[in-house]
Amino acid sequence: MRQPSPGAPYVKEAAIWLARLRADDRSLEDERAFRAWLMADPRHAAAFEAVNGMWESVGALSRDMRSGEVPLEPRFSRRKLLSGGVGLAVVAGGTFALVQSAAAEVYQTDIGEQKHVTLKDGTGVFLDTDTKLVVDFDDKDRKVDLRYGRANFRVAPDARRPFAVEAAQKLVIGTRSTFDVRRYGDDISVLLIHGQATVKNMAADLGAGRQLRDGERLSFISGQSPKLDKPNLLPLIAWHTGQAIFENSLLTDVVLEMNRYSTIKLEVDDARIARLKVSGVYRVGDNTNFARSLSRLLPVEIRVVNDRIQLVGDDARMLQG
């Protein structure tokens, strides 16, 4: 009778770890947690070796398992993962199946960064600050997952393959269209600039969804009913050119928007100025110059403290006003 592997009870855990390490969004926290799991019990290493041995694509990984010196970066580098297009699916009962899919591509921007990319189908994408996008195309579909942030899509026509953007259980399907999708947490807004787009709520709407017309915006805010409106487009698309346009906006709202583009944060440290109104066109990403502009236009003083710019009321000018 064949003796079971010493790691047999942990094979399912090991398979989950292998799939996690091969995911496009693997983080440093995942790697640290894996190493901790690996070192916690010698049987974990044995199980991982057994699972790893099933797949030629990652066979070389096993050589250092028992020492805990896992060559994660050489074996699981993003470039190799994205070119491989191979994933591991864990099926109920502990069996495994090899899943072939188109290689996912990840595009990401840091705070203050904006980026133009052209997808392999010809679709143009402009990523706003602090945005992450995962693109997964195959022969039947063109799928994009907006993990967070905001992006503008100029969809290339392809009658055979719909173009769909998923964001927090909302699906935007566009054809020959230009639209923005914005996601912060579970709050989503879709702005159709031109063309045709349909928005579906994947959690509730299994029907045709909501068709948008040029200039319409559909917003999903947590705790509220979906809202359809047709706002002034200019302030909403100013970010495409690295600008922000404000029209009688509260100073507190303006600060929130400008802070999205800079690691130097503005702070409203005086309740007297919180409801001051701001109008104008400003370049994003330079909070220092923006604060100086505010101090010239409003009864506001600026105080620089490390990487923060505090905004407080200018007593003399406030009395005059």
Protein backbone atom coordinates (compact mmCIF):
# COMPACT_ATOMS: atom_id res chain seq x y z
CA MET A 1 0.00 0.00 0.00
CA ARG A 2 1.34 3.41 -0.98
CA GLN A 3 2.14 5.64 1.98
CA PRO A 4 0.58 9.10 1.90
CA SER A 5 2.85 12.08 1.55
CA PRO A 6 3.77 13.72 4.88
CA GLY A 7 2.18 16.90 3.58
CA ALA A 8 -1.05 15.28 2.38
CA PRO A 9 -3.37 16.89 4.97
CA TYR A 10 -2.20 20.32 3.85
CA VAL A 11 -2.39 19.89 0.09
CA LYS A 12 -5.49 22.04 -0.27
CA GLU A 13 -3.90 24.85 1.75
CA ALA A 14 -0.78 24.56 -0.38
CA ALA A 15 -2.80 24.75 -3.58
CA ILE A 16 -4.52 27.90 -2.35
CA TRP A 17 -1.13 29.42 -1.57
CA LEU A 18 0.20 28.53 -5.02
CA ALA A 19 -2.80 30.14 -6.68
CA ARG A 20 -2.43 33.21 -4.45
CA LEU A 21 1.25 33.62 -5.28
CA ARG A 22 0.53 33.38 -8.99
CA ALA A 23 -2.22 36.02 -8.86
CA ASP A 24 -1.60 39.30 -10.65
CA ASP A 25 -2.42 41.30 -7.51
CA ARG A 26 -0.11 39.39 -5.16
CA SER A 27 1.24 41.73 -2.48
CA LEU A 28 4.25 41.79 -0.18
CA GLU A 29 1.88 40.96 2.68
CA ASP A 30 0.87 37.79 0.82
CA GLU A 31 4.51 36.79 0.44
CA ARG A 32 5.29 37.40 4.11
CA ALA A 33 2.22 35.45 5.19
CA PHE A 34 3.21 32.58 2.90
CA ARG A 35 6.70 32.41 4.36
CA ALA A 36 5.21 32.36 7.86
CA TRP A 37 2.88 29.51 6.88
CA LEU A 38 5.75 27.65 5.25
CA MET A 39 7.97 27.81 8.33
CA ALA A 40 5.21 26.97 10.80
CA ASP A 41 5.24 23.23 10.05
CA PRO A 42 7.60 21.04 7.96
CA ARG A 43 4.53 19.37 6.49
CA HIS A 44 3.54 22.67 4.89
CA ALA A 45 6.73 22.63 2.83
CA ALA A 46 6.12 19.01 1.87
CA ALA A 47 2.58 19.82 0.76
CA PHE A 48 3.73 22.79 -1.26
CA GLU A 49 6.41 20.68 -2.93
CA ALA A 50 3.79 18.09 -3.86
CA VAL A 51 1.42 20.64 -5.37
CA ASN A 52 4.20 22.51 -7.06
CA GLY A 53 5.48 19.33 -8.64
CA MET A 54 2.19 18.89 -10.50
CA TRP A 55 2.85 21.89 -12.69
CA GLU A 56 5.84 22.08 -14.98
CA SER A 57 5.41 25.82 -15.26
CA VAL A 58 6.57 26.25 -11.68
CA GLY A 59 8.52 23.03 -11.18
CA ALA A 60 11.83 24.72 -10.40
CA LEU A 61 10.37 26.38 -7.33
CA SER A 62 10.66 23.27 -5.18
CA ARG A 63 14.42 23.27 -4.68
CA ASP A 64 14.40 25.56 -1.65
CA MET A 65 11.10 24.72 -0.05
CA ARG A 66 12.37 22.97 3.05
CA SER A 67 14.81 25.75 3.91
CA GLY A 68 12.08 28.35 3.56
CA GLU A 69 14.17 30.26 1.02
CA VAL A 70 11.42 30.68 -1.51
CA PRO A 71 12.63 32.33 -4.72
CA LEU A 72 9.36 34.20 -5.11
CA GLU A 73 10.63 37.06 -7.17
CA PRO A 74 12.58 35.04 -9.76
CA ARG A 75 9.90 32.36 -10.13
CA PHE A 76 6.78 34.45 -9.70
CA SER A 77 7.82 37.74 -11.25
CA ARG A 78 4.92 39.67 -12.78
CA ARG A 79 6.49 39.48 -16.24
CA LYS A 80 6.64 35.69 -16.16
CA LEU A 81 3.15 35.41 -14.74
CA LEU A 82 1.64 37.70 -17.33
CA SER A 83 3.32 35.84 -20.17
CA GLY A 84 2.32 32.41 -18.86
CA GLY A 85 -1.44 32.63 -18.82
CA VAL A 86 -1.71 29.60 -16.53
CA GLY A 87 -3.61 29.50 -13.25
CA LEU A 88 -4.53 26.91 -10.63
CA ALA A 89 -8.15 26.27 -9.74
CA VAL A 90 -8.99 24.54 -6.46
CA VAL A 91 -12.11 22.40 -6.81
CA ALA A 92 -14.31 21.08 -4.00
CA GLY A 93 -12.97 17.80 -2.65
CA GLY A 94 -9.35 18.71 -3.18
CA THR A 95 -9.02 17.97 -6.90
CA PHE A 96 -7.31 20.36 -9.26
CA ALA A 97 -7.78 21.60 -12.79
CA LEU A 98 -5.53 23.62 -15.00
CA VAL A 99 -7.22 26.79 -16.21
CA GLN A 100 -6.04 28.38 -19.44
CA SER A 101 -6.88 32.06 -19.88
CA ALA A 102 -5.56 35.08 -21.66
CA ALA A 103 -2.73 36.70 -19.76
CA ALA A 104 -3.93 39.49 -17.52
CA GLU A 105 -2.23 42.85 -17.73
CA VAL A 106 -2.05 45.24 -14.80
CA TYR A 107 -1.84 49.01 -15.16
CA GLN A 108 -1.41 51.21 -12.12
CA THR A 109 -0.68 54.82 -11.23
CA ASP A 110 0.69 56.33 -8.04
CA ILE A 111 -0.63 59.42 -6.27
CA GLY A 112 -0.09 62.38 -8.59
CA GLU A 113 0.56 60.20 -11.64
CA GLN A 114 -1.58 59.97 -14.77
CA LYS A 115 -0.90 57.56 -17.60
CA HIS A 116 -2.01 56.88 -21.19
CA VAL A 117 -2.02 53.25 -22.34
CA THR A 118 -3.23 51.54 -25.50
CA LEU A 119 -4.65 48.06 -25.03
CA LYS A 120 -3.85 45.33 -27.53
CA ASP A 121 -7.28 45.71 -29.17
CA GLY A 122 -6.58 49.39 -29.87
CA THR A 123 -8.71 50.75 -27.02
CA GLY A 124 -7.18 53.85 -25.47
CA VAL A 125 -7.20 54.19 -21.69
CA PHE A 126 -6.21 57.19 -19.60
CA LEU A 127 -5.63 56.37 -15.93
CA ASP A 128 -6.13 59.06 -13.33
CA THR A 129 -4.12 59.38 -10.14
CA ASP A 130 -4.01 56.41 -7.74
CA THR A 131 -5.74 53.97 -10.09
CA LYS A 132 -5.41 50.24 -10.71
CA LEU A 133 -6.74 48.42 -13.75
CA VAL A 134 -6.58 44.70 -14.58
CA VAL A 135 -7.12 43.81 -18.24
CA ASP A 136 -8.01 40.26 -19.26
CA PHE A 137 -8.80 39.69 -22.94
CA ASP A 138 -9.54 36.39 -24.65
CA ASP A 139 -11.02 35.24 -27.95
CA LYS A 140 -14.58 35.95 -26.84
CA ASP A 141 -14.46 38.88 -24.45
CA ARG A 142 -12.60 42.06 -23.62
CA LYS A 143 -12.79 42.42 -19.84
CA VAL A 144 -11.35 45.15 -17.67
CA ASP A 145 -11.55 45.30 -13.87
CA LEU A 146 -11.23 48.75 -12.30
CA ARG A 147 -9.97 47.93 -8.81
CA TYR A 148 -9.87 51.55 -7.65
CA GLY A 149 -9.50 55.08 -8.99
CA ARG A 150 -10.75 56.54 -12.26
CA ALA A 151 -10.13 55.85 -15.93
CA ASN A 152 -11.27 57.12 -19.30
CA PHE A 153 -11.93 54.54 -22.02
CA ARG A 154 -12.01 55.15 -25.78
CA VAL A 155 -13.33 51.81 -26.96
CA ALA A 156 -12.03 50.35 -30.21
CA PRO A 157 -14.79 48.68 -32.27
CA ASP A 158 -14.91 44.89 -32.32
CA ALA A 159 -18.25 43.37 -33.25
CA ARG A 160 -17.17 39.90 -32.10
CA ARG A 161 -16.02 40.85 -28.61
CA PRO A 162 -17.90 43.18 -26.28
CA PHE A 163 -15.80 45.59 -24.20
CA ALA A 164 -16.79 45.47 -20.53
CA VAL A 165 -15.49 47.31 -17.49
CA GLU A 166 -16.28 45.82 -14.08
CA ALA A 167 -16.17 47.94 -10.94
CA ALA A 168 -17.63 46.86 -7.59
CA GLN A 169 -20.32 44.58 -9.06
CA LYS A 170 -21.22 47.10 -11.77
CA LEU A 171 -20.62 46.22 -15.41
CA VAL A 172 -20.20 48.88 -18.10
CA ILE A 173 -20.48 47.58 -21.66
CA GLY A 174 -19.36 50.00 -24.33
CA THR A 175 -19.39 49.93 -28.14
CA ARG A 176 -17.72 52.66 -30.20
CA SER A 177 -17.85 54.85 -27.13
CA THR A 178 -15.88 57.13 -24.85
CA PHE A 179 -16.68 57.04 -21.16
CA ASP A 180 -15.26 57.56 -17.67
CA VAL A 181 -15.61 55.10 -14.81
CA ARG A 182 -14.81 56.25 -11.29
CA ARG A 183 -14.56 53.92 -8.29
CA TYR A 184 -13.85 54.85 -4.68
CA GLY A 185 -14.61 51.96 -2.37
CA ASP A 186 -17.98 50.64 -3.47
CA ASP A 187 -19.14 54.01 -4.84
CA ILE A 188 -19.25 54.03 -8.63
CA SER A 189 -20.04 56.60 -11.28
CA VAL A 190 -20.17 56.12 -15.05
CA LEU A 191 -20.07 59.15 -17.36
CA LEU A 192 -20.82 58.55 -21.03
CA ILE A 193 -19.08 61.22 -23.07
CA HIS A 194 -19.95 59.90 -26.51
CA GLY A 195 -21.35 56.77 -28.11
CA GLN A 196 -23.24 53.88 -26.57
CA ALA A 197 -22.88 52.27 -23.16
CA THR A 198 -24.99 50.02 -20.96
CA VAL A 199 -24.58 49.75 -17.20
CA LYS A 200 -25.63 46.63 -15.31
CA ASN A 201 -25.79 46.01 -11.58
CA MET A 202 -24.35 42.51 -11.39
CA ALA A 203 -25.67 42.04 -7.86
CA ALA A 204 -29.29 42.76 -8.77
CA ASP A 205 -29.85 43.41 -12.46
CA LEU A 206 -29.77 40.40 -14.73
CA GLY A 207 -31.74 42.11 -17.48
CA ALA A 208 -30.81 44.56 -20.19
CA GLY A 209 -29.42 47.14 -17.79
CA ARG A 210 -29.52 50.92 -18.14
CA GLN A 211 -28.58 52.41 -21.48
CA LEU A 212 -26.85 55.78 -21.27
CA ARG A 213 -27.01 58.64 -23.74
CA ASP A 214 -24.31 61.17 -24.52
CA GLY A 215 -23.51 63.30 -21.47
CA GLU A 216 -25.41 61.17 -18.97
CA ARG A 217 -23.93 60.02 -15.68
CA LEU A 218 -25.12 57.09 -13.60
CA SER A 219 -23.96 57.00 -9.98
CA PHE A 220 -24.15 54.24 -7.39
CA ILE A 221 -23.55 55.56 -3.88
CA SER A 222 -23.67 53.20 -0.90
CA GLY A 223 -26.98 53.48 0.95
CA GLN A 224 -28.66 55.45 -1.84
CA SER A 225 -30.71 54.64 -4.91
CA PRO A 226 -28.89 54.83 -8.25
CA LYS A 227 -28.92 58.37 -9.63
CA LEU A 228 -29.05 59.34 -13.30
CA ASP A 229 -28.23 62.93 -14.26
CA LYS A 230 -26.80 65.02 -17.08
CA PRO A 231 -24.23 67.31 -15.47
CA ASN A 232 -21.98 69.99 -16.91
CA LEU A 233 -19.30 67.93 -18.63
CA LEU A 234 -16.43 70.41 -18.52
CA PRO A 235 -15.60 70.14 -14.79
CA LEU A 236 -15.99 66.36 -14.91
CA ILE A 237 -13.51 65.80 -17.74
CA ALA A 238 -10.99 68.50 -16.78
CA TRP A 239 -8.82 65.80 -15.23
CA HIS A 240 -8.15 64.49 -18.76
CA THR A 241 -5.84 67.50 -19.19
CA GLY A 242 -4.44 67.49 -15.66
CA GLN A 243 -6.75 70.21 -14.42
CA ALA A 244 -9.53 70.70 -11.89
CA ILE A 245 -12.43 73.08 -12.47
CA PHE A 246 -14.44 74.31 -9.50
CA GLU A 247 -17.71 76.25 -9.64
CA ASN A 248 -18.68 77.72 -6.27
CA SER A 249 -17.39 74.57 -4.59
CA LEU A 250 -16.94 74.34 -0.83
CA LEU A 251 -13.32 74.72 0.24
CA THR A 252 -13.49 71.40 2.08
CA ASP A 253 -14.61 69.61 -1.11
CA VAL A 254 -11.92 71.37 -3.12
CA VAL A 255 -9.25 70.26 -0.66
CA LEU A 256 -10.40 66.64 -0.89
CA GLU A 257 -10.15 66.70 -4.67
CA MET A 258 -6.75 68.41 -4.81
CA ASN A 259 -5.32 66.06 -2.18
CA ARG A 260 -5.99 63.10 -4.45
CA TYR A 261 -3.17 64.31 -6.69
CA SER A 262 -0.46 65.14 -4.17
CA THR A 263 1.44 63.61 -1.27
CA ILE A 264 1.64 67.11 0.21
CA LYS A 265 -1.75 67.32 1.88
CA LEU A 266 -3.90 70.38 2.40
CA GLU A 267 -5.74 70.69 5.71
CA VAL A 268 -8.56 73.04 6.64
CA ASP A 269 -7.70 73.85 10.26
CA ASP A 270 -10.24 76.61 10.81
CA ALA A 271 -14.00 76.04 10.85
CA ARG A 272 -14.54 79.66 9.81
CA ILE A 273 -13.18 79.01 6.32
CA ALA A 274 -14.57 75.52 5.74
CA ARG A 275 -17.60 76.82 3.85
CA LEU A 276 -15.81 79.39 1.73
CA LYS A 277 -16.54 78.94 -1.98
CA VAL A 278 -13.89 78.34 -4.62
CA SER A 279 -14.18 78.88 -8.38
CA GLY A 280 -11.57 78.62 -11.09
CA VAL A 281 -9.34 76.33 -13.14
CA TYR A 282 -6.31 74.85 -11.39
CA ARG A 283 -3.46 72.53 -12.28
CA VAL A 284 -3.60 69.37 -10.16
CA GLY A 285 -0.57 67.88 -8.45
CA ASP A 286 0.93 71.11 -7.08
CA ASN A 287 -0.75 71.82 -3.77
CA THR A 288 1.89 74.35 -2.78
CA ASN A 289 1.07 76.70 -5.66
CA PHE A 290 -2.62 75.99 -5.25
CA ALA A 291 -2.48 77.05 -1.60
CA ARG A 292 -0.70 80.26 -2.60
CA SER A 293 -3.46 80.98 -5.09
CA LEU A 294 -6.08 80.43 -2.40
CA SER A 295 -4.31 82.84 -0.07
CA ARG A 296 -4.50 85.54 -2.74
CA LEU A 297 -8.15 84.94 -3.59
CA LEU A 298 -9.65 84.17 -0.18
CA PRO A 299 -9.15 85.37 3.41
CA VAL A 300 -6.87 82.40 4.04
CA GLU A 301 -3.37 82.06 5.46
CA ILE A 302 -1.12 79.08 4.80
CA ARG A 303 1.16 77.35 7.27
CA VAL A 304 3.58 74.67 6.10
CA VAL A 305 4.17 71.86 8.60
CA ASN A 306 6.40 69.08 7.22
CA ASP A 307 4.43 67.54 4.34
CA ARG A 308 1.18 69.31 5.25
CA ILE A 309 -0.18 72.70 4.32
CA GLN A 310 -2.57 74.07 6.91
CA LEU A 311 -5.21 76.55 5.78
CA VAL A 312 -6.45 78.96 8.44
CA GLY A 313 -8.48 82.14 8.40
CA ASP A 314 -6.75 85.48 7.90
CA ASP A 315 -8.30 87.45 10.77
CA ALA A 316 -7.65 90.89 9.29
CA ARG A 317 -9.14 90.11 5.88
CA MET A 318 -12.06 88.21 7.37
CA LEU A 319 -12.98 91.28 9.42
CA GLN A 320 -12.81 93.41 6.30
CA GLY A 321 -15.05 91.01 4.42
